[in-house]
Amino acid sequence: MADKFADVVKAIHLHDETLTWVVTALKDSQKDEAAFHLQAVEGLNRELGKVRSRMSQAYEDKLDGKIDEQMWMEVNAKYKARQETLERQISAHNAADRAYDLYMQQTHEERARLLQFLLLNSTLKNGSLCITYRKPFDIIAEWGGHQKRRPQGDLNPCCRRERPVS
């Protein structure tokens, strides 16, 4: 079972040929891949800063009596969810290519945490592991699946968004 989950993590690794194609395509469309990545991460960090600032302001409004406890809990929950999404997107930009190597070096508990980060769901159907990646890992894994020509491809009858791991 551990080997099947290792294959799940390995699926988001881009082979050199595909990575070169992706980088070239990004450079062609953005003129500078590094600036594009930096711009994306900076944008996410700016939005994360705004969310954190708004969370802090909402808490101060609660303390000052400007909003009641119920309103603060609703606002805080909304901002907390957005904060987690942004943090996951930032981590995805920084960790996707290193995920397999990190996974193989980790303890079972750390591997479980990484899988929880990468996957929305995993099930065992007739001896095949079927997984559903979180965004943006679903897109990365999809690219990875097209790097190798495999006759079985995605012909497994698992759900459309699930990816079988043999």
N, C-alpha and C. Protein backbone atom coordinates (compact mmCIF):
# COMPACT_ATOMS: atom_id res chain seq x y z
N MET A 1 0.83 -1.18 0.00
CA MET A 1 0.00 0.00 0.00
C MET A 1 0.88 1.25 0.00
N ALA A 2 1.97 1.24 0.79
CA ALA A 2 2.86 2.40 0.85
C ALA A 2 3.44 2.70 -0.52
N ASP A 3 3.75 1.65 -1.30
CA ASP A 3 4.29 1.87 -2.65
C ASP A 3 3.26 2.54 -3.56
N LYS A 4 1.99 2.18 -3.39
CA LYS A 4 0.95 2.81 -4.21
C LYS A 4 0.82 4.28 -3.88
N PHE A 5 0.89 4.62 -2.59
CA PHE A 5 0.82 6.03 -2.21
C PHE A 5 2.08 6.77 -2.67
N ALA A 6 3.23 6.10 -2.69
CA ALA A 6 4.45 6.74 -3.21
C ALA A 6 4.26 7.08 -4.68
N ASP A 7 3.58 6.20 -5.42
CA ASP A 7 3.29 6.48 -6.83
C ASP A 7 2.37 7.69 -7.00
N VAL A 8 1.45 7.88 -6.04
CA VAL A 8 0.55 9.03 -6.06
C VAL A 8 1.37 10.32 -5.98
N VAL A 9 2.33 10.33 -5.06
CA VAL A 9 3.18 11.52 -4.89
C VAL A 9 4.07 11.70 -6.11
N LYS A 10 4.58 10.61 -6.63
CA LYS A 10 5.47 10.68 -7.80
C LYS A 10 4.75 11.23 -9.03
N ALA A 11 3.43 11.05 -9.09
CA ALA A 11 2.65 11.49 -10.25
C ALA A 11 2.68 13.00 -10.44
N ILE A 12 2.98 13.77 -9.41
CA ILE A 12 3.01 15.23 -9.58
C ILE A 12 4.40 15.73 -9.96
N HIS A 13 5.35 14.81 -10.09
CA HIS A 13 6.69 15.20 -10.54
C HIS A 13 6.69 15.31 -12.06
N LEU A 14 7.21 16.39 -12.58
CA LEU A 14 7.28 16.59 -14.02
C LEU A 14 8.65 16.12 -14.52
N HIS A 15 8.64 15.26 -15.54
CA HIS A 15 9.88 14.80 -16.14
C HIS A 15 10.58 15.96 -16.84
N ASP A 16 11.88 15.85 -17.01
CA ASP A 16 12.67 16.94 -17.58
C ASP A 16 12.13 17.43 -18.91
N GLU A 17 11.74 16.50 -19.79
CA GLU A 17 11.23 16.89 -21.11
C GLU A 17 9.95 17.72 -20.99
N THR A 18 9.04 17.27 -20.15
CA THR A 18 7.79 18.01 -19.96
C THR A 18 8.04 19.32 -19.24
N LEU A 19 8.92 19.28 -18.25
CA LEU A 19 9.24 20.50 -17.52
C LEU A 19 9.85 21.53 -18.46
N THR A 20 10.73 21.09 -19.35
CA THR A 20 11.33 21.99 -20.34
C THR A 20 10.25 22.60 -21.23
N TRP A 21 9.32 21.76 -21.67
CA TRP A 21 8.22 22.25 -22.52
C TRP A 21 7.38 23.27 -21.76
N VAL A 22 7.05 22.97 -20.48
CA VAL A 22 6.24 23.88 -19.68
C VAL A 22 6.96 25.20 -19.49
N VAL A 23 8.24 25.13 -19.14
CA VAL A 23 9.02 26.35 -18.92
C VAL A 23 9.09 27.18 -20.20
N THR A 24 9.34 26.51 -21.32
CA THR A 24 9.40 27.22 -22.61
C THR A 24 8.06 27.88 -22.92
N ALA A 25 6.98 27.14 -22.70
CA ALA A 25 5.65 27.70 -22.96
C ALA A 25 5.38 28.90 -22.05
N LEU A 26 5.76 28.79 -20.78
CA LEU A 26 5.57 29.92 -19.86
C LEU A 26 6.41 31.11 -20.27
N LYS A 27 7.65 30.84 -20.66
CA LYS A 27 8.52 31.94 -21.08
C LYS A 27 7.97 32.60 -22.33
N ASP A 28 7.47 31.79 -23.27
CA ASP A 28 6.90 32.37 -24.49
C ASP A 28 5.69 33.23 -24.18
N SER A 29 4.85 32.76 -23.26
CA SER A 29 3.63 33.52 -22.98
C SER A 29 3.85 34.64 -21.97
N GLN A 30 4.82 34.51 -21.11
CA GLN A 30 5.05 35.52 -20.08
C GLN A 30 6.38 36.26 -20.23
N LYS A 31 7.20 35.82 -21.17
CA LYS A 31 8.51 36.40 -21.47
C LYS A 31 9.54 36.15 -20.38
N ASP A 32 9.10 35.76 -19.21
CA ASP A 32 10.06 35.51 -18.14
C ASP A 32 9.40 34.62 -17.09
N GLU A 33 9.71 33.34 -17.12
CA GLU A 33 9.08 32.37 -16.22
C GLU A 33 9.33 32.71 -14.76
N ALA A 34 10.51 33.14 -14.42
CA ALA A 34 10.82 33.48 -13.03
C ALA A 34 9.97 34.64 -12.54
N ALA A 35 9.80 35.64 -13.39
CA ALA A 35 8.98 36.79 -13.01
C ALA A 35 7.52 36.37 -12.85
N PHE A 36 7.08 35.46 -13.71
CA PHE A 36 5.71 34.96 -13.62
C PHE A 36 5.49 34.25 -12.29
N HIS A 37 6.39 33.34 -11.93
CA HIS A 37 6.27 32.62 -10.66
C HIS A 37 6.31 33.59 -9.49
N LEU A 38 7.27 34.49 -9.52
CA LEU A 38 7.41 35.47 -8.45
C LEU A 38 6.15 36.33 -8.34
N GLN A 39 5.64 36.74 -9.48
CA GLN A 39 4.42 37.56 -9.50
C GLN A 39 3.25 36.78 -8.89
N ALA A 40 3.12 35.52 -9.24
CA ALA A 40 2.03 34.70 -8.70
C ALA A 40 2.15 34.55 -7.19
N VAL A 41 3.34 34.22 -6.72
CA VAL A 41 3.55 34.04 -5.28
C VAL A 41 3.39 35.37 -4.55
N GLU A 42 3.89 36.46 -5.12
CA GLU A 42 3.73 37.77 -4.50
C GLU A 42 2.25 38.14 -4.41
N GLY A 43 1.49 37.87 -5.46
CA GLY A 43 0.06 38.14 -5.44
C GLY A 43 -0.66 37.34 -4.37
N LEU A 44 -0.30 36.07 -4.27
CA LEU A 44 -0.90 35.23 -3.23
C LEU A 44 -0.50 35.73 -1.83
N ASN A 45 0.76 36.13 -1.68
CA ASN A 45 1.22 36.65 -0.38
C ASN A 45 0.54 37.97 -0.03
N ARG A 46 0.32 38.83 -1.04
CA ARG A 46 -0.40 40.09 -0.79
C ARG A 46 -1.82 39.80 -0.31
N GLU A 47 -2.49 38.90 -1.01
CA GLU A 47 -3.85 38.57 -0.61
C GLU A 47 -3.87 37.92 0.78
N LEU A 48 -2.88 37.08 1.05
CA LEU A 48 -2.78 36.46 2.38
C LEU A 48 -2.59 37.52 3.45
N GLY A 49 -1.77 38.53 3.18
CA GLY A 49 -1.57 39.63 4.11
C GLY A 49 -2.86 40.39 4.38
N LYS A 50 -3.64 40.63 3.32
CA LYS A 50 -4.94 41.30 3.48
C LYS A 50 -5.88 40.48 4.34
N VAL A 51 -5.91 39.18 4.09
CA VAL A 51 -6.79 38.31 4.86
C VAL A 51 -6.39 38.33 6.33
N ARG A 52 -5.10 38.21 6.59
CA ARG A 52 -4.63 38.24 7.99
C ARG A 52 -4.94 39.58 8.65
N SER A 53 -4.78 40.66 7.91
CA SER A 53 -5.08 41.99 8.44
C SER A 53 -6.57 42.11 8.76
N ARG A 54 -7.40 41.59 7.86
CA ARG A 54 -8.85 41.64 8.08
C ARG A 54 -9.26 40.77 9.27
N MET A 55 -8.60 39.63 9.43
CA MET A 55 -8.87 38.78 10.59
C MET A 55 -8.54 39.53 11.88
N SER A 56 -7.41 40.18 11.87
CA SER A 56 -6.97 40.94 13.05
C SER A 56 -7.94 42.09 13.33
N GLN A 57 -8.34 42.80 12.27
CA GLN A 57 -9.27 43.91 12.44
C GLN A 57 -10.62 43.42 12.96
N ALA A 58 -11.08 42.30 12.45
CA ALA A 58 -12.36 41.75 12.92
C ALA A 58 -12.27 41.40 14.40
N TYR A 59 -11.13 40.86 14.83
CA TYR A 59 -10.96 40.53 16.24
C TYR A 59 -10.96 41.80 17.09
N GLU A 60 -10.28 42.83 16.61
CA GLU A 60 -10.27 44.09 17.35
C GLU A 60 -11.68 44.69 17.40
N ASP A 61 -12.43 44.57 16.29
CA ASP A 61 -13.81 45.05 16.28
C ASP A 61 -14.65 44.29 17.31
N LYS A 62 -14.38 42.99 17.45
CA LYS A 62 -15.09 42.19 18.44
C LYS A 62 -14.75 42.69 19.84
N LEU A 63 -13.45 42.89 20.10
CA LEU A 63 -13.01 43.37 21.41
C LEU A 63 -13.57 44.75 21.73
N ASP A 64 -13.68 45.59 20.70
CA ASP A 64 -14.19 46.95 20.90
C ASP A 64 -15.73 47.00 20.95
N GLY A 65 -16.37 45.85 20.74
CA GLY A 65 -17.82 45.81 20.79
C GLY A 65 -18.50 46.27 19.51
N LYS A 66 -17.74 46.44 18.43
CA LYS A 66 -18.32 46.88 17.16
C LYS A 66 -19.10 45.74 16.48
N ILE A 67 -18.67 44.51 16.73
CA ILE A 67 -19.40 43.34 16.22
C ILE A 67 -19.59 42.36 17.36
N ASP A 68 -20.67 41.58 17.29
CA ASP A 68 -20.93 40.62 18.36
C ASP A 68 -20.16 39.32 18.12
N GLU A 69 -20.20 38.43 19.10
CA GLU A 69 -19.46 37.17 19.05
C GLU A 69 -19.85 36.33 17.84
N GLN A 70 -21.14 36.24 17.55
CA GLN A 70 -21.62 35.44 16.42
C GLN A 70 -21.07 35.97 15.09
N MET A 71 -21.12 37.29 14.91
CA MET A 71 -20.61 37.90 13.68
C MET A 71 -19.11 37.65 13.57
N TRP A 72 -18.40 37.79 14.67
CA TRP A 72 -16.94 37.57 14.65
C TRP A 72 -16.64 36.13 14.27
N MET A 73 -17.38 35.18 14.82
CA MET A 73 -17.13 33.77 14.51
C MET A 73 -17.37 33.49 13.02
N GLU A 74 -18.41 34.09 12.45
CA GLU A 74 -18.69 33.89 11.02
C GLU A 74 -17.60 34.51 10.15
N VAL A 75 -17.23 35.73 10.47
CA VAL A 75 -16.19 36.43 9.69
C VAL A 75 -14.86 35.70 9.83
N ASN A 76 -14.53 35.31 11.06
CA ASN A 76 -13.26 34.62 11.30
C ASN A 76 -13.21 33.29 10.55
N ALA A 77 -14.30 32.54 10.54
CA ALA A 77 -14.34 31.26 9.83
C ALA A 77 -14.14 31.47 8.33
N LYS A 78 -14.76 32.50 7.79
CA LYS A 78 -14.61 32.80 6.35
C LYS A 78 -13.16 33.15 6.02
N TYR A 79 -12.57 34.03 6.83
CA TYR A 79 -11.18 34.42 6.57
C TYR A 79 -10.21 33.27 6.83
N LYS A 80 -10.49 32.45 7.82
CA LYS A 80 -9.62 31.31 8.12
C LYS A 80 -9.60 30.33 6.94
N ALA A 81 -10.76 30.09 6.35
CA ALA A 81 -10.84 29.19 5.19
C ALA A 81 -10.05 29.77 4.02
N ARG A 82 -10.20 31.07 3.79
CA ARG A 82 -9.46 31.70 2.69
C ARG A 82 -7.97 31.67 2.97
N GLN A 83 -7.57 31.90 4.21
CA GLN A 83 -6.16 31.86 4.60
C GLN A 83 -5.57 30.47 4.31
N GLU A 84 -6.28 29.42 4.68
CA GLU A 84 -5.80 28.06 4.43
C GLU A 84 -5.66 27.77 2.95
N THR A 85 -6.61 28.25 2.15
CA THR A 85 -6.55 28.05 0.70
C THR A 85 -5.32 28.75 0.12
N LEU A 86 -5.10 29.99 0.51
CA LEU A 86 -3.95 30.75 0.01
C LEU A 86 -2.64 30.10 0.44
N GLU A 87 -2.55 29.67 1.67
CA GLU A 87 -1.33 29.01 2.14
C GLU A 87 -1.06 27.73 1.37
N ARG A 88 -2.13 26.99 1.04
CA ARG A 88 -1.97 25.76 0.26
C ARG A 88 -1.49 26.08 -1.15
N GLN A 89 -2.01 27.16 -1.75
CA GLN A 89 -1.59 27.54 -3.10
C GLN A 89 -0.12 27.98 -3.11
N ILE A 90 0.29 28.73 -2.11
CA ILE A 90 1.69 29.16 -2.01
C ILE A 90 2.59 27.95 -1.85
N SER A 91 2.20 27.04 -0.98
CA SER A 91 2.99 25.82 -0.78
C SER A 91 3.09 25.01 -2.06
N ALA A 92 2.00 24.96 -2.82
CA ALA A 92 1.99 24.21 -4.07
C ALA A 92 3.01 24.78 -5.05
N HIS A 93 3.10 26.09 -5.11
CA HIS A 93 4.09 26.72 -6.00
C HIS A 93 5.51 26.33 -5.59
N ASN A 94 5.73 26.18 -4.31
CA ASN A 94 7.08 25.97 -3.81
C ASN A 94 7.47 24.51 -3.63
N ALA A 95 6.50 23.59 -3.53
CA ALA A 95 6.84 22.23 -3.14
C ALA A 95 6.52 21.14 -4.15
N ALA A 96 5.77 21.42 -5.19
CA ALA A 96 5.29 20.35 -6.07
C ALA A 96 6.42 19.52 -6.66
N ASP A 97 7.49 20.14 -7.11
CA ASP A 97 8.56 19.39 -7.77
C ASP A 97 9.39 18.59 -6.78
N ARG A 98 9.37 18.95 -5.51
CA ARG A 98 10.16 18.23 -4.50
C ARG A 98 9.34 17.19 -3.75
N ALA A 99 8.05 17.07 -4.05
CA ALA A 99 7.14 16.26 -3.24
C ALA A 99 7.56 14.79 -3.15
N TYR A 100 7.92 14.17 -4.28
CA TYR A 100 8.26 12.75 -4.25
C TYR A 100 9.49 12.49 -3.39
N ASP A 101 10.55 13.28 -3.58
CA ASP A 101 11.76 13.10 -2.79
C ASP A 101 11.48 13.31 -1.30
N LEU A 102 10.69 14.33 -0.97
CA LEU A 102 10.32 14.58 0.42
C LEU A 102 9.53 13.40 0.98
N TYR A 103 8.60 12.91 0.21
CA TYR A 103 7.76 11.79 0.65
C TYR A 103 8.61 10.57 0.99
N MET A 104 9.54 10.23 0.14
CA MET A 104 10.35 9.03 0.33
C MET A 104 11.28 9.15 1.55
N GLN A 105 11.62 10.36 1.97
CA GLN A 105 12.52 10.57 3.10
C GLN A 105 11.78 10.66 4.43
N GLN A 106 10.47 10.69 4.42
CA GLN A 106 9.70 10.97 5.63
C GLN A 106 9.25 9.71 6.36
N THR A 107 8.89 9.90 7.64
CA THR A 107 8.31 8.83 8.43
C THR A 107 6.89 8.58 7.94
N HIS A 108 6.28 7.50 8.41
CA HIS A 108 4.92 7.19 7.99
C HIS A 108 3.94 8.29 8.40
N GLU A 109 4.14 8.88 9.57
CA GLU A 109 3.25 9.96 10.02
C GLU A 109 3.39 11.18 9.11
N GLU A 110 4.63 11.52 8.75
CA GLU A 110 4.86 12.66 7.86
C GLU A 110 4.30 12.39 6.48
N ARG A 111 4.42 11.14 6.02
CA ARG A 111 3.86 10.77 4.72
C ARG A 111 2.34 10.94 4.74
N ALA A 112 1.71 10.54 5.83
CA ALA A 112 0.27 10.68 5.95
C ALA A 112 -0.13 12.15 5.87
N ARG A 113 0.64 13.02 6.53
CA ARG A 113 0.34 14.46 6.48
C ARG A 113 0.48 15.00 5.06
N LEU A 114 1.53 14.58 4.35
CA LEU A 114 1.72 15.02 2.97
C LEU A 114 0.57 14.54 2.09
N LEU A 115 0.15 13.31 2.27
CA LEU A 115 -0.97 12.79 1.48
C LEU A 115 -2.26 13.54 1.78
N GLN A 116 -2.47 13.92 3.04
CA GLN A 116 -3.64 14.72 3.38
C GLN A 116 -3.59 16.08 2.70
N PHE A 117 -2.38 16.61 2.54
CA PHE A 117 -2.19 17.90 1.87
C PHE A 117 -2.47 17.77 0.37
N LEU A 118 -2.04 16.66 -0.24
CA LEU A 118 -2.16 16.47 -1.69
C LEU A 118 -3.54 15.98 -2.13
N LEU A 119 -4.20 15.16 -1.29
CA LEU A 119 -5.37 14.43 -1.73
C LEU A 119 -6.65 14.88 -1.03
N LEU A 120 -7.73 14.91 -1.79
CA LEU A 120 -9.05 15.11 -1.22
C LEU A 120 -9.60 13.78 -0.72
N ASN A 121 -9.32 12.70 -1.47
CA ASN A 121 -9.89 11.41 -1.16
C ASN A 121 -9.03 10.30 -1.75
N SER A 122 -9.06 9.15 -1.10
CA SER A 122 -8.43 7.95 -1.65
C SER A 122 -9.26 6.75 -1.24
N THR A 123 -9.47 5.84 -2.19
CA THR A 123 -10.23 4.63 -1.92
C THR A 123 -9.54 3.45 -2.58
N LEU A 124 -9.82 2.28 -2.06
CA LEU A 124 -9.30 1.05 -2.63
C LEU A 124 -10.47 0.33 -3.28
N LYS A 125 -10.42 0.18 -4.61
CA LYS A 125 -11.50 -0.47 -5.36
C LYS A 125 -10.93 -1.66 -6.11
N ASN A 126 -11.38 -2.84 -5.74
CA ASN A 126 -10.93 -4.07 -6.40
C ASN A 126 -9.41 -4.16 -6.48
N GLY A 127 -8.74 -3.78 -5.42
CA GLY A 127 -7.29 -3.87 -5.37
C GLY A 127 -6.56 -2.71 -6.01
N SER A 128 -7.29 -1.76 -6.60
CA SER A 128 -6.67 -0.58 -7.21
C SER A 128 -6.90 0.63 -6.31
N LEU A 129 -5.86 1.41 -6.13
CA LEU A 129 -5.97 2.64 -5.36
C LEU A 129 -6.48 3.74 -6.27
N CYS A 130 -7.59 4.37 -5.91
CA CYS A 130 -8.16 5.48 -6.67
C CYS A 130 -8.09 6.72 -5.80
N ILE A 131 -7.52 7.76 -6.35
CA ILE A 131 -7.31 8.99 -5.58
C ILE A 131 -7.91 10.18 -6.29
N THR A 132 -8.19 11.23 -5.51
CA THR A 132 -8.63 12.52 -6.04
C THR A 132 -7.70 13.57 -5.46
N TYR A 133 -6.93 14.22 -6.33
CA TYR A 133 -5.99 15.25 -5.89
C TYR A 133 -6.73 16.54 -5.54
N ARG A 134 -6.14 17.30 -4.62
CA ARG A 134 -6.59 18.67 -4.36
C ARG A 134 -6.09 19.55 -5.51
N LYS A 135 -6.73 20.69 -5.70
CA LYS A 135 -6.23 21.67 -6.66
C LYS A 135 -5.01 22.35 -6.04
N PRO A 136 -3.99 22.67 -6.74
CA PRO A 136 -3.72 22.51 -8.17
C PRO A 136 -3.02 21.20 -8.50
N PHE A 137 -2.89 20.30 -7.51
CA PHE A 137 -2.17 19.06 -7.75
C PHE A 137 -2.87 18.18 -8.78
N ASP A 138 -4.19 18.33 -8.93
CA ASP A 138 -4.91 17.57 -9.94
C ASP A 138 -4.41 17.91 -11.33
N ILE A 139 -4.14 19.19 -11.56
CA ILE A 139 -3.66 19.63 -12.87
C ILE A 139 -2.22 19.15 -13.09
N ILE A 140 -1.40 19.27 -12.07
CA ILE A 140 0.00 18.82 -12.17
C ILE A 140 0.05 17.32 -12.44
N ALA A 141 -0.77 16.54 -11.71
CA ALA A 141 -0.79 15.09 -11.93
C ALA A 141 -1.29 14.76 -13.32
N GLU A 142 -2.25 15.53 -13.82
CA GLU A 142 -2.75 15.31 -15.17
C GLU A 142 -1.64 15.53 -16.19
N TRP A 143 -0.85 16.59 -16.02
CA TRP A 143 0.30 16.82 -16.91
C TRP A 143 1.26 15.65 -16.81
N GLY A 144 1.52 15.21 -15.59
CA GLY A 144 2.45 14.11 -15.36
C GLY A 144 1.98 12.83 -16.04
N GLY A 145 0.67 12.60 -16.06
CA GLY A 145 0.13 11.40 -16.68
C GLY A 145 0.32 11.39 -18.18
N HIS A 146 0.48 12.56 -18.79
CA HIS A 146 0.67 12.64 -20.24
C HIS A 146 2.15 12.61 -20.62
N GLN A 147 3.03 12.56 -19.63
CA GLN A 147 4.46 12.53 -19.93
C GLN A 147 4.89 11.17 -20.43
N LYS A 148 4.27 10.13 -19.95
CA LYS A 148 4.60 8.77 -20.36
C LYS A 148 3.44 8.24 -21.18
N ARG A 149 3.76 7.50 -22.21
CA ARG A 149 2.69 6.88 -22.99
C ARG A 149 2.40 5.53 -22.37
N ARG A 150 1.25 5.43 -21.72
CA ARG A 150 0.85 4.19 -21.08
C ARG A 150 -0.41 3.70 -21.76
N PRO A 151 -0.40 2.47 -22.25
CA PRO A 151 -1.58 1.97 -22.94
C PRO A 151 -2.81 1.95 -22.05
N GLN A 152 -2.65 1.68 -20.74
CA GLN A 152 -3.83 1.62 -19.89
C GLN A 152 -4.38 3.01 -19.59
N GLY A 153 -3.57 4.07 -19.66
CA GLY A 153 -4.01 5.44 -19.48
C GLY A 153 -4.97 5.60 -18.34
N ASP A 154 -6.09 6.26 -18.57
CA ASP A 154 -7.11 6.47 -17.56
C ASP A 154 -8.35 5.63 -17.89
N LEU A 155 -8.14 4.40 -18.34
CA LEU A 155 -9.26 3.56 -18.72
C LEU A 155 -9.89 2.86 -17.52
N ASN A 156 -9.32 3.01 -16.36
CA ASN A 156 -9.87 2.42 -15.15
C ASN A 156 -11.25 3.02 -14.91
N PRO A 157 -12.24 2.23 -14.51
CA PRO A 157 -13.59 2.76 -14.36
C PRO A 157 -13.81 3.60 -13.11
N CYS A 158 -12.76 4.10 -12.51
CA CYS A 158 -12.91 4.96 -11.35
C CYS A 158 -13.61 6.25 -11.78
N CYS A 159 -14.04 6.98 -10.79
CA CYS A 159 -14.73 8.25 -11.08
C CYS A 159 -13.87 9.13 -11.98
N ARG A 160 -14.52 10.00 -12.71
CA ARG A 160 -13.85 10.83 -13.71
C ARG A 160 -12.68 11.62 -13.13
N ARG A 161 -12.83 12.23 -11.95
CA ARG A 161 -11.77 13.07 -11.39
C ARG A 161 -10.78 12.25 -10.56
N GLU A 162 -11.11 10.98 -10.32
CA GLU A 162 -10.17 10.13 -9.59
C GLU A 162 -9.16 9.56 -10.56
N ARG A 163 -7.95 9.33 -10.06
CA ARG A 163 -6.90 8.75 -10.87
C ARG A 163 -6.52 7.41 -10.29
N PRO A 164 -6.65 6.32 -11.08
CA PRO A 164 -6.25 5.02 -10.57
C PRO A 164 -4.73 4.93 -10.47
N VAL A 165 -4.27 4.25 -9.48
CA VAL A 165 -2.84 4.02 -9.30
C VAL A 165 -2.65 2.52 -9.29
N SER A 166 -1.92 1.99 -10.28
CA SER A 166 -1.75 0.54 -10.35
C SER A 166 -0.45 0.09 -9.77
